[in-house]
PDB file of N, CA and C in Angstrom:
ATOM      1  N   UNK A   1       0.769  -0.934  -0.044  1.00  0.00           N
ATOM      2  CA  UNK A   1      -0.039  -0.326   0.251  1.00  0.00           C
ATOM      3  C   UNK A   1       1.017   1.404   0.202  1.00  0.00           C
ATOM      4  N   UNK A   2       0.083   2.229  -0.771  1.00  0.00           N
ATOM      5  CA  UNK A   2       1.244   3.547  -1.045  1.00  0.00           C
ATOM      6  C   UNK A   2       1.020   4.010   0.330  1.00  0.00           C
ATOM      7  N   UNK A   3       2.103   5.089   0.808  1.00  0.00           N
ATOM      8  CA  UNK A   3       2.567   5.951   2.059  1.00  0.00           C
ATOM      9  C   UNK A   3       0.857   6.519   1.718  1.00  0.00           C
ATOM     10  N   UNK A   4       0.354   7.063   2.987  1.00  0.00           N
ATOM     11  CA  UNK A   4      -0.721   7.931   3.191  1.00  0.00           C
ATOM     12  C   UNK A   4      -2.076   7.626   2.603  1.00  0.00           C
ATOM     13  N   UNK A   5      -2.067   6.195   1.955  1.00  0.00           N
ATOM     14  CA  UNK A   5      -3.603   5.843   1.380  1.00  0.00           C
ATOM     15  C   UNK A   5      -3.692   4.760   2.453  1.00  0.00           C
ATOM     16  N   UNK A   6      -5.055   4.732   3.029  1.00  0.00           N
ATOM     17  CA  UNK A   6      -5.600   3.882   4.072  1.00  0.00           C
ATOM     18  C   UNK A   6      -6.368   2.696   3.240  1.00  0.00           C
ATOM     19  N   UNK A   7      -6.258   1.464   4.009  1.00  0.00           N
ATOM     20  CA  UNK A   7      -7.329   0.865   3.327  1.00  0.00           C
ATOM     21  C   UNK A   7      -8.706   0.471   3.339  1.00  0.00           C
ATOM     22  N   UNK A   8      -9.206   0.506   2.268  1.00  0.00           N
ATOM     23  CA  UNK A   8     -10.695   0.750   2.499  1.00  0.00           C
ATOM     24  C   UNK A   8     -11.377  -0.967   2.784  1.00  0.00           C
ATOM     25  N   UNK A   9     -12.393  -1.103   4.317  1.00  0.00           N
ATOM     26  CA  UNK A   9     -12.485  -2.322   4.939  1.00  0.00           C
ATOM     27  C   UNK A   9     -14.019  -2.199   4.475  1.00  0.00           C
ATOM     28  N   UNK A  10     -13.939  -3.319   4.107  1.00  0.00           N
ATOM     29  CA  UNK A  10     -15.592  -3.926   3.596  1.00  0.00           C
ATOM     30  C   UNK A  10     -16.114  -5.162   4.064  1.00  0.00           C
ATOM     31  N   UNK A  11     -16.775  -5.644   4.434  1.00  0.00           N
ATOM     32  CA  UNK A  11     -17.559  -7.077   4.897  1.00  0.00           C
ATOM     33  C   UNK A  11     -18.148  -7.938   4.249  1.00  0.00           C
ATOM     34  N   UNK A  12     -17.385  -8.791   3.565  1.00  0.00           N
ATOM     35  CA  UNK A  12     -17.658 -10.119   2.567  1.00  0.00           C
ATOM     36  C   UNK A  12     -18.988 -10.583   2.840  1.00  0.00           C
ATOM     37  N   UNK A  13     -19.553 -10.228   1.635  1.00  0.00           N
ATOM     38  CA  UNK A  13     -21.156 -10.797   2.119  1.00  0.00           C
ATOM     39  C   UNK A  13     -21.516 -12.101   1.889  1.00  0.00           C
ATOM     40  N   UNK A  14     -20.598 -12.940   1.721  1.00  0.00           N
ATOM     41  CA  UNK A  14     -20.448 -14.478   2.082  1.00  0.00           C
ATOM     42  C   UNK A  14     -20.265 -15.098   3.694  1.00  0.00           C
ATOM     43  N   UNK A  15     -19.224 -14.645   3.705  1.00  0.00           N
ATOM     44  CA  UNK A  15     -18.575 -15.092   4.418  1.00  0.00           C
ATOM     45  C   UNK A  15     -18.474 -13.417   5.976  1.00  0.00           C
ATOM     46  N   UNK A  16     -19.282 -12.837   5.781  1.00  0.00           N
ATOM     47  CA  UNK A  16     -19.268 -12.116   7.102  1.00  0.00           C
ATOM     48  C   UNK A  16     -17.947 -11.107   7.542  1.00  0.00           C
ATOM     49  N   UNK A  17     -16.835 -11.472   6.896  1.00  0.00           N
ATOM     50  CA  UNK A  17     -15.546 -11.398   7.589  1.00  0.00           C
ATOM     51  C   UNK A  17     -15.106 -10.137   6.757  1.00  0.00           C
ATOM     52  N   UNK A  18     -14.396  -8.970   7.514  1.00  0.00           N
ATOM     53  CA  UNK A  18     -13.935  -7.972   7.383  1.00  0.00           C
ATOM     54  C   UNK A  18     -13.030  -8.357   6.185  1.00  0.00           C
ATOM     55  N   UNK A  19     -12.479  -7.207   5.269  1.00  0.00           N
ATOM     56  CA  UNK A  19     -11.685  -7.756   4.134  1.00  0.00           C
ATOM     57  C   UNK A  19     -11.133  -6.533   3.516  1.00  0.00           C
ATOM     58  N   UNK A  20      -9.905  -6.103   3.733  1.00  0.00           N
ATOM     59  CA  UNK A  20      -8.817  -4.903   2.823  1.00  0.00           C
ATOM     60  C   UNK A  20      -9.013  -5.252   1.443  1.00  0.00           C
ATOM     61  N   UNK A  21      -9.211  -6.002   1.107  1.00  0.00           N
ATOM     62  CA  UNK A  21      -9.552  -6.638  -0.716  1.00  0.00           C
ATOM     63  C   UNK A  21     -10.288  -6.570  -1.027  1.00  0.00           C
ATOM     64  N   UNK A  22     -11.686  -6.142  -1.009  1.00  0.00           N
ATOM     65  CA  UNK A  22     -12.997  -6.033  -1.614  1.00  0.00           C
ATOM     66  C   UNK A  22     -13.159  -5.988  -2.751  1.00  0.00           C
ATOM     67  N   UNK A  23     -13.664  -7.238  -3.482  1.00  0.00           N
ATOM     68  CA  UNK A  23     -14.511  -7.109  -4.643  1.00  0.00           C
ATOM     69  C   UNK A  23     -15.875  -6.965  -5.312  1.00  0.00           C
ATOM     70  N   UNK A  24     -16.382  -5.986  -5.475  1.00  0.00           N
ATOM     71  CA  UNK A  24     -17.531  -5.714  -5.873  1.00  0.00           C
ATOM     72  C   UNK A  24     -17.909  -6.440  -6.866  1.00  0.00           C
ATOM     73  N   UNK A  25     -19.215  -7.100  -6.515  1.00  0.00           N
ATOM     74  CA  UNK A  25     -19.199  -8.086  -7.527  1.00  0.00           C
ATOM     75  C   UNK A  25     -20.704  -8.165  -7.659  1.00  0.00           C
ATOM     76  N   UNK A  26     -21.849  -6.807  -7.596  1.00  0.00           N
ATOM     77  CA  UNK A  26     -23.284  -6.917  -7.941  1.00  0.00           C
ATOM     78  C   UNK A  26     -23.443  -5.505  -7.490  1.00  0.00           C
ATOM     79  N   UNK A  27     -25.264  -5.750  -7.720  1.00  0.00           N
ATOM     80  CA  UNK A  27     -25.939  -4.520  -6.883  1.00  0.00           C
ATOM     81  C   UNK A  27     -27.094  -5.295  -6.428  1.00  0.00           C
ATOM     82  N   UNK A  28     -27.069  -4.902  -5.238  1.00  0.00           N
ATOM     83  CA  UNK A  28     -28.544  -5.275  -4.481  1.00  0.00           C
ATOM     84  C   UNK A  28     -29.476  -4.080  -4.642  1.00  0.00           C
ATOM     85  N   UNK A  29     -30.978  -4.111  -5.149  1.00  0.00           N
ATOM     86  CA  UNK A  29     -31.571  -3.156  -5.411  1.00  0.00           C
ATOM     87  C   UNK A  29     -32.126  -2.704  -3.882  1.00  0.00           C
ATOM     88  N   UNK A  30     -32.425  -1.504  -3.211  1.00  0.00           N
ATOM     89  CA  UNK A  30     -32.911  -0.705  -2.425  1.00  0.00           C
ATOM     90  C   UNK A  30     -33.776   0.278  -3.042  1.00  0.00           C
ATOM     91  N   UNK A  31     -34.586   0.272  -1.839  1.00  0.00           N
ATOM     92  CA  UNK A  31     -36.036   1.499  -2.507  1.00  0.00           C
ATOM     93  C   UNK A  31     -35.395   2.665  -2.443  1.00  0.00           C
ATOM     94  N   UNK A  32     -34.609   3.263  -1.625  1.00  0.00           N
ATOM     95  CA  UNK A  32     -34.380   4.725  -1.189  1.00  0.00           C
ATOM     96  C   UNK A  32     -33.072   5.298  -2.257  1.00  0.00           C
ATOM     97  N   UNK A  33     -32.257   4.655  -2.727  1.00  0.00           N
ATOM     98  CA  UNK A  33     -30.872   4.541  -3.394  1.00  0.00           C
ATOM     99  C   UNK A  33     -30.422   4.149  -4.866  1.00  0.00           C
ATOM    100  N   UNK A  34     -31.518   3.310  -5.059  1.00  0.00           N
ATOM    101  CA  UNK A  34     -31.236   2.595  -6.484  1.00  0.00           C
ATOM    102  C   UNK A  34     -30.251   1.300  -6.694  1.00  0.00           C
ATOM    103  N   UNK A  35     -29.547   1.386  -5.047  1.00  0.00           N
ATOM    104  CA  UNK A  35     -28.748   0.201  -4.988  1.00  0.00           C
ATOM    105  C   UNK A  35     -27.529   0.214  -4.649  1.00  0.00           C
ATOM    106  N   UNK A  36     -27.046  -1.147  -3.601  1.00  0.00           N
ATOM    107  CA  UNK A  36     -26.142  -1.115  -2.391  1.00  0.00           C
ATOM    108  C   UNK A  36     -25.195  -2.398  -3.300  1.00  0.00           C
ATOM    109  N   UNK A  37     -23.398  -2.016  -3.028  1.00  0.00           N
ATOM    110  CA  UNK A  37     -22.900  -2.115  -3.917  1.00  0.00           C
ATOM    111  C   UNK A  37     -22.315  -3.867  -2.943  1.00  0.00           C
ATOM    112  N   UNK A  38     -22.661  -5.004  -3.408  1.00  0.00           N
ATOM    113  CA  UNK A  38     -22.144  -5.887  -2.944  1.00  0.00           C
ATOM    114  C   UNK A  38     -20.878  -6.530  -2.757  1.00  0.00           C
ATOM    115  N   UNK A  39     -20.054  -6.767  -2.033  1.00  0.00           N
ATOM    116  CA  UNK A  39     -18.378  -7.163  -2.235  1.00  0.00           C
ATOM    117  C   UNK A  39     -18.879  -8.356  -1.212  1.00  0.00           C
ATOM    118  N   UNK A  40     -16.938  -9.205  -2.286  1.00  0.00           N
ATOM    119  CA  UNK A  40     -17.082 -10.556  -1.858  1.00  0.00           C
ATOM    120  C   UNK A  40     -15.346 -10.345  -1.185  1.00  0.00           C
ATOM    121  N   UNK A  41     -14.806 -11.267  -0.289  1.00  0.00           N
ATOM    122  CA  UNK A  41     -13.221 -11.173  -0.462  1.00  0.00           C
ATOM    123  C   UNK A  41     -13.256 -12.209  -1.238  1.00  0.00           C
ATOM    124  N   UNK A  42     -11.669 -12.210  -1.773  1.00  0.00           N
ATOM    125  CA  UNK A  42     -11.162 -13.136  -2.841  1.00  0.00           C
ATOM    126  C   UNK A  42     -11.129 -14.128  -2.683  1.00  0.00           C
ATOM    127  N   UNK A  43     -10.608 -15.008  -1.410  1.00  0.00           N
ATOM    128  CA  UNK A  43     -11.479 -16.418  -1.461  1.00  0.00           C
ATOM    129  C   UNK A  43     -12.795 -16.868  -1.994  1.00  0.00           C
ATOM    130  N   UNK A  44     -13.536 -15.674  -1.304  1.00  0.00           N
ATOM    131  CA  UNK A  44     -15.073 -16.852  -1.682  1.00  0.00           C
ATOM    132  C   UNK A  44     -15.468 -16.206  -3.034  1.00  0.00           C
ATOM    133  N   UNK A  45     -15.242 -14.913  -3.535  1.00  0.00           N
ATOM    134  CA  UNK A  45     -15.528 -14.852  -4.883  1.00  0.00           C
ATOM    135  C   UNK A  45     -14.995 -15.523  -5.723  1.00  0.00           C
ATOM    136  N   UNK A  46     -13.543 -16.803  -5.621  1.00  0.00           N
ATOM    137  CA  UNK A  46     -13.094 -17.231  -6.624  1.00  0.00           C
ATOM    138  C   UNK A  46     -14.299 -18.921  -6.428  1.00  0.00           C
ATOM    139  N   UNK A  47     -13.932 -19.342  -4.724  1.00  0.00           N
ATOM    140  CA  UNK A  47     -15.102 -20.286  -4.641  1.00  0.00           C
ATOM    141  C   UNK A  47     -15.993 -20.448  -4.984  1.00  0.00           C
ATOM    142  N   UNK A  48     -16.966 -19.446  -5.164  1.00  0.00           N
ATOM    143  CA  UNK A  48     -18.624 -19.138  -5.517  1.00  0.00           C
ATOM    144  C   UNK A  48     -18.533 -19.125  -7.263  1.00  0.00           C
ATOM    145  N   UNK A  49     -17.411 -18.788  -7.825  1.00  0.00           N
ATOM    146  CA  UNK A  49     -17.102 -18.593  -9.007  1.00  0.00           C
ATOM    147  C   UNK A  49     -17.854 -16.958  -9.499  1.00  0.00           C
ATOM    148  N   UNK A  50     -17.969 -16.109  -9.174  1.00  0.00           N
ATOM    149  CA  UNK A  50     -19.002 -15.268  -9.069  1.00  0.00           C
ATOM    150  C   UNK A  50     -17.617 -14.220 -10.011  1.00  0.00           C
ATOM    151  N   UNK A  51     -18.468 -13.361 -10.928  1.00  0.00           N
ATOM    152  CA  UNK A  51     -17.460 -12.557 -12.152  1.00  0.00           C
ATOM    153  C   UNK A  51     -17.248 -11.234 -11.273  1.00  0.00           C
ATOM    154  N   UNK A  52     -16.404 -10.078 -11.289  1.00  0.00           N
ATOM    155  CA  UNK A  52     -16.467  -8.909 -10.654  1.00  0.00           C
ATOM    156  C   UNK A  52     -17.320  -8.339 -11.393  1.00  0.00           C
ATOM    157  N   UNK A  53     -17.778  -7.115 -11.083  1.00  0.00           N
ATOM    158  CA  UNK A  53     -18.689  -5.780 -11.725  1.00  0.00           C
ATOM    159  C   UNK A  53     -17.760  -5.411 -12.479  1.00  0.00           C
ATOM    160  N   UNK A  54     -16.337  -5.480 -12.266  1.00  0.00           N
ATOM    161  CA  UNK A  54     -15.907  -4.847 -13.442  1.00  0.00           C
ATOM    162  C   UNK A  54     -15.851  -5.134 -14.611  1.00  0.00           C
ATOM    163  N   UNK A  55     -16.009  -6.699 -14.659  1.00  0.00           N
ATOM    164  CA  UNK A  55     -16.037  -7.198 -15.744  1.00  0.00           C
ATOM    165  C   UNK A  55     -17.573  -7.625 -16.481  1.00  0.00           C
ATOM    166  N   UNK A  56     -18.620  -7.041 -16.073  1.00  0.00           N
ATOM    167  CA  UNK A  56     -19.777  -7.558 -16.248  1.00  0.00           C
ATOM    168  C   UNK A  56     -19.943  -7.251 -17.668  1.00  0.00           C
ATOM    169  N   UNK A  57     -20.455  -7.399 -18.341  1.00  0.00           N
ATOM    170  CA  UNK A  57     -20.774  -6.916 -19.794  1.00  0.00           C
ATOM    171  C   UNK A  57     -21.399  -5.672 -20.083  1.00  0.00           C
ATOM    172  N   UNK A  58     -21.172  -5.008 -20.794  1.00  0.00           N
ATOM    173  CA  UNK A  58     -22.145  -3.707 -21.058  1.00  0.00           C
ATOM    174  C   UNK A  58     -23.495  -3.704 -20.934  1.00  0.00           C
ATOM    175  N   UNK A  59     -24.868  -3.403 -20.410  1.00  0.00           N
ATOM    176  CA  UNK A  59     -25.525  -3.163 -20.482  1.00  0.00           C
ATOM    177  C   UNK A  59     -26.351  -4.239 -19.368  1.00  0.00           C
ATOM    178  N   UNK A  60     -25.712  -4.694 -18.654  1.00  0.00           N
ATOM    179  CA  UNK A  60     -26.017  -5.714 -17.558  1.00  0.00           C
ATOM    180  C   UNK A  60     -26.192  -4.864 -16.611  1.00  0.00           C
ATOM    181  N   UNK A  61     -27.780  -5.181 -15.401  1.00  0.00           N
ATOM    182  CA  UNK A  61     -28.182  -4.412 -14.434  1.00  0.00           C
ATOM    183  C   UNK A  61     -27.691  -4.407 -13.162  1.00  0.00           C
ATOM    184  N   UNK A  62     -26.425  -4.916 -13.237  1.00  0.00           N
ATOM    185  CA  UNK A  62     -25.268  -5.042 -11.767  1.00  0.00           C
ATOM    186  C   UNK A  62     -26.326  -6.285 -11.051  1.00  0.00           C
ATOM    187  N   UNK A  63     -26.730  -7.409 -11.634  1.00  0.00           N
ATOM    188  CA  UNK A  63     -26.749  -8.648 -11.180  1.00  0.00           C
ATOM    189  C   UNK A  63     -26.091  -9.732 -10.858  1.00  0.00           C
ATOM    190  N   UNK A  64     -25.604 -10.392  -9.959  1.00  0.00           N
ATOM    191  CA  UNK A  64     -24.580 -10.729  -9.459  1.00  0.00           C
ATOM    192  C   UNK A  64     -24.544 -12.030 -10.813  1.00  0.00           C
ATOM    193  N   UNK A  65     -22.979 -11.806 -11.663  1.00  0.00           N
ATOM    194  CA  UNK A  65     -22.978 -13.053 -12.473  1.00  0.00           C
ATOM    195  C   UNK A  65     -22.076 -14.218 -12.094  1.00  0.00           C
ATOM    196  N   UNK A  66     -22.221 -15.593 -12.440  1.00  0.00           N
ATOM    197  CA  UNK A  66     -21.390 -16.451 -12.102  1.00  0.00           C
ATOM    198  C   UNK A  66     -20.357 -16.616 -13.633  1.00  0.00           C
ATOM    199  N   UNK A  67     -19.378 -16.988 -13.478  1.00  0.00           N
ATOM    200  CA  UNK A  67     -18.482 -17.419 -14.499  1.00  0.00           C
ATOM    201  C   UNK A  67     -19.076 -18.945 -14.727  1.00  0.00           C
ATOM    202  N   UNK A  68     -18.378 -19.025 -16.475  1.00  0.00           N
ATOM    203  CA  UNK A  68     -18.738 -19.922 -16.937  1.00  0.00           C
ATOM    204  C   UNK A  68     -18.668 -21.349 -16.576  1.00  0.00           C
ATOM    205  N   UNK A  69     -19.721 -22.446 -16.446  1.00  0.00           N
ATOM    206  CA  UNK A  69     -19.316 -23.677 -15.390  1.00  0.00           C
ATOM    207  C   UNK A  69     -19.617 -23.555 -14.114  1.00  0.00           C
ATOM    208  N   UNK A  70     -19.911 -22.613 -13.691  1.00  0.00           N
ATOM    209  CA  UNK A  70     -19.809 -22.874 -12.335  1.00  0.00           C
ATOM    210  C   UNK A  70     -21.706 -22.822 -11.780  1.00  0.00           C
ATOM    211  N   UNK A  71     -21.791 -24.214 -10.839  1.00  0.00           N
ATOM    212  CA  UNK A  71     -23.016 -24.641 -11.086  1.00  0.00           C
ATOM    213  C   UNK A  71     -24.172 -23.593 -10.277  1.00  0.00           C
TER     214      UNK A  71
END
């Protein structure tokens, strides 16, 4: 980490542990503000085969997507 930059800590949606390496994987609709970002820690993201939000195809609405071949 660069000097003077603090890590952003988020809670993994799957294991509920705090992680300094949160991966945004989708948007959860909410009534008041349009949506909340869902985060997974790297191990949970890999275990579940979830596609990071930054790799979603253009035009998706933020629903959680799974890698091809994931049950």
